[in-house]
Amino acid sequence: MVLAILLLMATTFVLCPVVPAQNIQDATVWINKGKDAFQKKDYVSAIAAYDQALLLDEYYTEGWKLRGDA
């Protein structure tokens, strides 16, 4: 039973990626660049900036929403 619990915990850690704090900060910088471009109606640059953010953090839901808006 203990072995099963340990195996489950190990599997959970492997399957659930942890995003380093630096990636989150860098992704936020790219999101802000995308927002600036979007406000200037430069949608191509906005999408490119959102893509960069999503490369750093693919689970950044705001990035996916904003990219869709652009």
PDB file of N, CA and C in Angstrom:
ATOM      1  N   MET A   1       0.831  -1.192   0.000  1.00  0.00           N
ATOM      2  CA  MET A   1       0.000   0.000   0.000  1.00  0.00           C
ATOM      3  C   MET A   1       0.878   1.258   0.000  1.00  0.00           C
ATOM      4  N   VAL A   2       1.903   1.254   0.850  1.00  0.00           N
ATOM      5  CA  VAL A   2       2.809   2.401   0.917  1.00  0.00           C
ATOM      6  C   VAL A   2       3.530   2.571  -0.415  1.00  0.00           C
ATOM      7  N   LEU A   3       3.926   1.461  -1.002  1.00  0.00           N
ATOM      8  CA  LEU A   3       4.604   1.510  -2.297  1.00  0.00           C
ATOM      9  C   LEU A   3       3.686   2.105  -3.370  1.00  0.00           C
ATOM     10  N   ALA A   4       2.423   1.755  -3.333  1.00  0.00           N
ATOM     11  CA  ALA A   4       1.464   2.293  -4.302  1.00  0.00           C
ATOM     12  C   ALA A   4       1.311   3.798  -4.141  1.00  0.00           C
ATOM     13  N   ILE A   5       1.272   4.263  -2.915  1.00  0.00           N
ATOM     14  CA  ILE A   5       1.151   5.704  -2.654  1.00  0.00           C
ATOM     15  C   ILE A   5       2.399   6.432  -3.129  1.00  0.00           C
ATOM     16  N   LEU A   6       3.565   5.876  -2.845  1.00  0.00           N
ATOM     17  CA  LEU A   6       4.813   6.500  -3.294  1.00  0.00           C
ATOM     18  C   LEU A   6       4.896   6.536  -4.817  1.00  0.00           C
ATOM     19  N   LEU A   7       4.464   5.473  -5.452  1.00  0.00           N
ATOM     20  CA  LEU A   7       4.461   5.431  -6.909  1.00  0.00           C
ATOM     21  C   LEU A   7       3.499   6.472  -7.479  1.00  0.00           C
ATOM     22  N   LEU A   8       2.345   6.625  -6.871  1.00  0.00           N
ATOM     23  CA  LEU A   8       1.381   7.629  -7.301  1.00  0.00           C
ATOM     24  C   LEU A   8       1.950   9.035  -7.139  1.00  0.00           C
ATOM     25  N   MET A   9       2.607   9.291  -6.026  1.00  0.00           N
ATOM     26  CA  MET A   9       3.207  10.608  -5.791  1.00  0.00           C
ATOM     27  C   MET A   9       4.302  10.887  -6.816  1.00  0.00           C
ATOM     28  N   ALA A  10       5.143   9.914  -7.078  1.00  0.00           N
ATOM     29  CA  ALA A  10       6.224  10.096  -8.046  1.00  0.00           C
ATOM     30  C   ALA A  10       5.662  10.368  -9.437  1.00  0.00           C
ATOM     31  N   THR A  11       4.631   9.656  -9.816  1.00  0.00           N
ATOM     32  CA  THR A  11       4.000   9.851 -11.117  1.00  0.00           C
ATOM     33  C   THR A  11       3.397  11.244 -11.216  1.00  0.00           C
ATOM     34  N   THR A  12       2.783  11.706 -10.156  1.00  0.00           N
ATOM     35  CA  THR A  12       2.180  13.037 -10.140  1.00  0.00           C
ATOM     36  C   THR A  12       3.231  14.112 -10.367  1.00  0.00           C
ATOM     37  N   PHE A  13       4.375  13.988  -9.714  1.00  0.00           N
ATOM     38  CA  PHE A  13       5.434  14.984  -9.877  1.00  0.00           C
ATOM     39  C   PHE A  13       5.995  14.979 -11.295  1.00  0.00           C
ATOM     40  N   VAL A  14       6.053  13.832 -11.910  1.00  0.00           N
ATOM     41  CA  VAL A  14       6.575  13.738 -13.271  1.00  0.00           C
ATOM     42  C   VAL A  14       5.580  14.298 -14.277  1.00  0.00           C
ATOM     43  N   LEU A  15       4.315  14.033 -14.095  1.00  0.00           N
ATOM     44  CA  LEU A  15       3.302  14.427 -15.066  1.00  0.00           C
ATOM     45  C   LEU A  15       2.805  15.856 -14.904  1.00  0.00           C
ATOM     46  N   CYS A  16       3.035  16.467 -13.771  1.00  0.00           N
ATOM     47  CA  CYS A  16       2.578  17.838 -13.524  1.00  0.00           C
ATOM     48  C   CYS A  16       3.779  18.774 -13.565  1.00  0.00           C
ATOM     49  N   PRO A  17       4.013  19.409 -14.700  1.00  0.00           N
ATOM     50  CA  PRO A  17       5.189  20.265 -14.810  1.00  0.00           C
ATOM     51  C   PRO A  17       5.074  21.493 -13.913  1.00  0.00           C
ATOM     52  N   VAL A  18       6.202  21.916 -13.426  1.00  0.00           N
ATOM     53  CA  VAL A  18       6.285  23.119 -12.608  1.00  0.00           C
ATOM     54  C   VAL A  18       6.967  24.181 -13.455  1.00  0.00           C
ATOM     55  N   VAL A  19       6.345  25.335 -13.567  1.00  0.00           N
ATOM     56  CA  VAL A  19       6.908  26.418 -14.355  1.00  0.00           C
ATOM     57  C   VAL A  19       7.798  27.254 -13.446  1.00  0.00           C
ATOM     58  N   PRO A  20       9.070  27.392 -13.790  1.00  0.00           N
ATOM     59  CA  PRO A  20       9.951  28.213 -12.967  1.00  0.00           C
ATOM     60  C   PRO A  20       9.456  29.657 -12.894  1.00  0.00           C
ATOM     61  N   ALA A  21       9.718  30.300 -11.774  1.00  0.00           N
ATOM     62  CA  ALA A  21       9.260  31.680 -11.568  1.00  0.00           C
ATOM     63  C   ALA A  21       9.805  32.612 -12.641  1.00  0.00           C
ATOM     64  N   GLN A  22      11.031  32.384 -13.087  1.00  0.00           N
ATOM     65  CA  GLN A  22      11.625  33.243 -14.114  1.00  0.00           C
ATOM     66  C   GLN A  22      10.812  33.180 -15.403  1.00  0.00           C
ATOM     67  N   ASN A  23      10.352  32.000 -15.787  1.00  0.00           N
ATOM     68  CA  ASN A  23       9.538  31.878 -16.999  1.00  0.00           C
ATOM     69  C   ASN A  23       8.237  32.649 -16.877  1.00  0.00           C
ATOM     70  N   ILE A  24       7.635  32.613 -15.694  1.00  0.00           N
ATOM     71  CA  ILE A  24       6.383  33.341 -15.481  1.00  0.00           C
ATOM     72  C   ILE A  24       6.625  34.838 -15.622  1.00  0.00           C
ATOM     73  N   GLN A  25       7.720  35.329 -15.045  1.00  0.00           N
ATOM     74  CA  GLN A  25       8.034  36.755 -15.149  1.00  0.00           C
ATOM     75  C   GLN A  25       8.317  37.143 -16.596  1.00  0.00           C
ATOM     76  N   ASP A  26       9.098  36.312 -17.301  1.00  0.00           N
ATOM     77  CA  ASP A  26       9.403  36.598 -18.702  1.00  0.00           C
ATOM     78  C   ASP A  26       8.139  36.559 -19.553  1.00  0.00           C
ATOM     79  N   ALA A  27       7.262  35.610 -19.279  1.00  0.00           N
ATOM     80  CA  ALA A  27       6.011  35.514 -20.026  1.00  0.00           C
ATOM     81  C   ALA A  27       5.166  36.762 -19.805  1.00  0.00           C
ATOM     82  N   THR A  28       5.168  37.274 -18.596  1.00  0.00           N
ATOM     83  CA  THR A  28       4.408  38.489 -18.292  1.00  0.00           C
ATOM     84  C   THR A  28       4.949  39.678 -19.075  1.00  0.00           C
ATOM     85  N   VAL A  29       6.257  39.751 -19.228  1.00  0.00           N
ATOM     86  CA  VAL A  29       6.860  40.826 -20.026  1.00  0.00           C
ATOM     87  C   VAL A  29       6.350  40.746 -21.466  1.00  0.00           C
ATOM     88  N   TRP A  30       6.327  39.539 -22.027  1.00  0.00           N
ATOM     89  CA  TRP A  30       5.847  39.367 -23.401  1.00  0.00           C
ATOM     90  C   TRP A  30       4.355  39.669 -23.516  1.00  0.00           C
ATOM     91  N   ILE A  31       3.588  39.302 -22.499  1.00  0.00           N
ATOM     92  CA  ILE A  31       2.152  39.621 -22.507  1.00  0.00           C
ATOM     93  C   ILE A  31       1.962  41.134 -22.547  1.00  0.00           C
ATOM     94  N   ASN A  32       2.731  41.851 -21.746  1.00  0.00           N
ATOM     95  CA  ASN A  32       2.619  43.315 -21.729  1.00  0.00           C
ATOM     96  C   ASN A  32       3.008  43.920 -23.075  1.00  0.00           C
ATOM     97  N   LYS A  33       4.044  43.360 -23.723  1.00  0.00           N
ATOM     98  CA  LYS A  33       4.418  43.834 -25.061  1.00  0.00           C
ATOM     99  C   LYS A  33       3.278  43.579 -26.046  1.00  0.00           C
ATOM    100  N   GLY A  34       2.650  42.436 -25.912  1.00  0.00           N
ATOM    101  CA  GLY A  34       1.519  42.122 -26.777  1.00  0.00           C
ATOM    102  C   GLY A  34       0.353  43.071 -26.563  1.00  0.00           C
ATOM    103  N   LYS A  35       0.085  43.402 -25.312  1.00  0.00           N
ATOM    104  CA  LYS A  35      -1.000  44.344 -25.012  1.00  0.00           C
ATOM    105  C   LYS A  35      -0.713  45.712 -25.621  1.00  0.00           C
ATOM    106  N   ASP A  36       0.550  46.162 -25.515  1.00  0.00           N
ATOM    107  CA  ASP A  36       0.922  47.451 -26.108  1.00  0.00           C
ATOM    108  C   ASP A  36       0.713  47.434 -27.623  1.00  0.00           C
ATOM    109  N   ALA A  37       1.162  46.362 -28.263  1.00  0.00           N
ATOM    110  CA  ALA A  37       0.997  46.249 -29.719  1.00  0.00           C
ATOM    111  C   ALA A  37      -0.486  46.197 -30.092  1.00  0.00           C
ATOM    112  N   PHE A  38      -1.266  45.481 -29.312  1.00  0.00           N
ATOM    113  CA  PHE A  38      -2.702  45.365 -29.587  1.00  0.00           C
ATOM    114  C   PHE A  38      -3.374  46.734 -29.514  1.00  0.00           C
ATOM    115  N   GLN A  39      -3.011  47.530 -28.505  1.00  0.00           N
ATOM    116  CA  GLN A  39      -3.597  48.870 -28.370  1.00  0.00           C
ATOM    117  C   GLN A  39      -3.256  49.751 -29.567  1.00  0.00           C
ATOM    118  N   LYS A  40      -2.088  49.494 -30.180  1.00  0.00           N
ATOM    119  CA  LYS A  40      -1.669  50.259 -31.359  1.00  0.00           C
ATOM    120  C   LYS A  40      -2.225  49.652 -32.649  1.00  0.00           C
ATOM    121  N   LYS A  41      -3.087  48.644 -32.498  1.00  0.00           N
ATOM    122  CA  LYS A  41      -3.694  47.931 -33.623  1.00  0.00           C
ATOM    123  C   LYS A  41      -2.659  47.213 -34.490  1.00  0.00           C
ATOM    124  N   ASP A  42      -1.519  46.883 -33.889  1.00  0.00           N
ATOM    125  CA  ASP A  42      -0.479  46.105 -34.564  1.00  0.00           C
ATOM    126  C   ASP A  42      -0.680  44.645 -34.159  1.00  0.00           C
ATOM    127  N   TYR A  43      -1.666  44.019 -34.788  1.00  0.00           N
ATOM    128  CA  TYR A  43      -2.100  42.688 -34.370  1.00  0.00           C
ATOM    129  C   TYR A  43      -1.067  41.603 -34.659  1.00  0.00           C
ATOM    130  N   VAL A  44      -0.302  41.766 -35.724  1.00  0.00           N
ATOM    131  CA  VAL A  44       0.734  40.778 -36.045  1.00  0.00           C
ATOM    132  C   VAL A  44       1.791  40.758 -34.941  1.00  0.00           C
ATOM    133  N   SER A  45       2.226  41.942 -34.508  1.00  0.00           N
ATOM    134  CA  SER A  45       3.215  42.015 -33.425  1.00  0.00           C
ATOM    135  C   SER A  45       2.627  41.530 -32.107  1.00  0.00           C
ATOM    136  N   ALA A  46       1.359  41.818 -31.884  1.00  0.00           N
ATOM    137  CA  ALA A  46       0.708  41.359 -30.654  1.00  0.00           C
ATOM    138  C   ALA A  46       0.684  39.838 -30.604  1.00  0.00           C
ATOM    139  N   ILE A  47       0.302  39.214 -31.706  1.00  0.00           N
ATOM    140  CA  ILE A  47       0.267  37.749 -31.748  1.00  0.00           C
ATOM    141  C   ILE A  47       1.664  37.177 -31.556  1.00  0.00           C
ATOM    142  N   ALA A  48       2.659  37.796 -32.172  1.00  0.00           N
ATOM    143  CA  ALA A  48       4.041  37.318 -32.017  1.00  0.00           C
ATOM    144  C   ALA A  48       4.486  37.406 -30.558  1.00  0.00           C
ATOM    145  N   ALA A  49       4.123  38.487 -29.881  1.00  0.00           N
ATOM    146  CA  ALA A  49       4.489  38.640 -28.470  1.00  0.00           C
ATOM    147  C   ALA A  49       3.767  37.607 -27.608  1.00  0.00           C
ATOM    148  N   TYR A  50       2.496  37.385 -27.879  1.00  0.00           N
ATOM    149  CA  TYR A  50       1.757  36.368 -27.125  1.00  0.00           C
ATOM    150  C   TYR A  50       2.335  34.979 -27.377  1.00  0.00           C
ATOM    151  N   ASP A  51       2.763  34.721 -28.610  1.00  0.00           N
ATOM    152  CA  ASP A  51       3.399  33.435 -28.912  1.00  0.00           C
ATOM    153  C   ASP A  51       4.662  33.239 -28.077  1.00  0.00           C
ATOM    154  N   GLN A  52       5.449  34.293 -27.932  1.00  0.00           N
ATOM    155  CA  GLN A  52       6.669  34.200 -27.120  1.00  0.00           C
ATOM    156  C   GLN A  52       6.322  33.897 -25.667  1.00  0.00           C
ATOM    157  N   ALA A  53       5.291  34.550 -25.162  1.00  0.00           N
ATOM    158  CA  ALA A  53       4.862  34.293 -23.780  1.00  0.00           C
ATOM    159  C   ALA A  53       4.426  32.843 -23.620  1.00  0.00           C
ATOM    160  N   LEU A  54       3.702  32.335 -24.600  1.00  0.00           N
ATOM    161  CA  LEU A  54       3.186  30.968 -24.514  1.00  0.00           C
ATOM    162  C   LEU A  54       4.276  29.927 -24.705  1.00  0.00           C
ATOM    163  N   LEU A  55       5.355  30.282 -25.387  1.00  0.00           N
ATOM    164  CA  LEU A  55       6.502  29.378 -25.465  1.00  0.00           C
ATOM    165  C   LEU A  55       7.144  29.209 -24.092  1.00  0.00           C
ATOM    166  N   LEU A  56       7.116  30.276 -23.303  1.00  0.00           N
ATOM    167  CA  LEU A  56       7.703  30.230 -21.962  1.00  0.00           C
ATOM    168  C   LEU A  56       6.779  29.557 -20.957  1.00  0.00           C
ATOM    169  N   ASP A  57       5.479  29.748 -21.135  1.00  0.00           N
ATOM    170  CA  ASP A  57       4.501  29.166 -20.207  1.00  0.00           C
ATOM    171  C   ASP A  57       3.245  28.799 -20.989  1.00  0.00           C
ATOM    172  N   GLU A  58       3.183  27.553 -21.433  1.00  0.00           N
ATOM    173  CA  GLU A  58       2.061  27.126 -22.264  1.00  0.00           C
ATOM    174  C   GLU A  58       0.744  27.066 -21.504  1.00  0.00           C
ATOM    175  N   TYR A  59       0.791  27.178 -20.187  1.00  0.00           N
ATOM    176  CA  TYR A  59      -0.426  27.132 -19.370  1.00  0.00           C
ATOM    177  C   TYR A  59      -0.919  28.529 -18.993  1.00  0.00           C
ATOM    178  N   TYR A  60      -0.359  29.562 -19.599  1.00  0.00           N
ATOM    179  CA  TYR A  60      -0.714  30.954 -19.302  1.00  0.00           C
ATOM    180  C   TYR A  60      -2.049  31.250 -20.002  1.00  0.00           C
ATOM    181  N   THR A  61      -3.146  31.043 -19.290  1.00  0.00           N
ATOM    182  CA  THR A  61      -4.474  31.147 -19.909  1.00  0.00           C
ATOM    183  C   THR A  61      -4.765  32.550 -20.440  1.00  0.00           C
ATOM    184  N   GLU A  62      -4.287  33.572 -19.744  1.00  0.00           N
ATOM    185  CA  GLU A  62      -4.508  34.936 -20.233  1.00  0.00           C
ATOM    186  C   GLU A  62      -3.834  35.118 -21.596  1.00  0.00           C
ATOM    187  N   GLY A  63      -2.667  34.523 -21.759  1.00  0.00           N
ATOM    188  CA  GLY A  63      -1.964  34.618 -23.038  1.00  0.00           C
ATOM    189  C   GLY A  63      -2.754  33.999 -24.178  1.00  0.00           C
ATOM    190  N   TRP A  64      -3.357  32.853 -23.923  1.00  0.00           N
ATOM    191  CA  TRP A  64      -4.175  32.209 -24.955  1.00  0.00           C
ATOM    192  C   TRP A  64      -5.401  33.060 -25.293  1.00  0.00           C
ATOM    193  N   LYS A  65      -6.025  33.645 -24.270  1.00  0.00           N
ATOM    194  CA  LYS A  65      -7.206  34.480 -24.508  1.00  0.00           C
ATOM    195  C   LYS A  65      -6.840  35.720 -25.322  1.00  0.00           C
ATOM    196  N   LEU A  66      -5.767  36.385 -24.899  1.00  0.00           N
ATOM    197  CA  LEU A  66      -5.355  37.605 -25.589  1.00  0.00           C
ATOM    198  C   LEU A  66      -4.930  37.318 -27.027  1.00  0.00           C
ATOM    199  N   ARG A  67      -4.257  36.197 -27.222  1.00  0.00           N
ATOM    200  CA  ARG A  67      -3.855  35.818 -28.581  1.00  0.00           C
ATOM    201  C   ARG A  67      -5.092  35.616 -29.453  1.00  0.00           C
ATOM    202  N   GLY A  68      -6.096  34.984 -28.903  1.00  0.00           N
ATOM    203  CA  GLY A  68      -7.340  34.792 -29.646  1.00  0.00           C
ATOM    204  C   GLY A  68      -8.020  36.111 -29.981  1.00  0.00           C
ATOM    205  N   ASP A  69      -7.959  37.053 -29.060  1.00  0.00           N
ATOM    206  CA  ASP A  69      -8.556  38.369 -29.304  1.00  0.00           C
ATOM    207  C   ASP A  69      -7.830  39.110 -30.430  1.00  0.00           C
ATOM    208  N   ALA A  70      -6.506  38.938 -30.475  1.00  0.00           N
ATOM    209  CA  ALA A  70      -5.708  39.633 -31.502  1.00  0.00           C
ATOM    210  C   ALA A  70      -5.940  38.999 -32.857  1.00  0.00           C
TER     211      ALA A  70
END
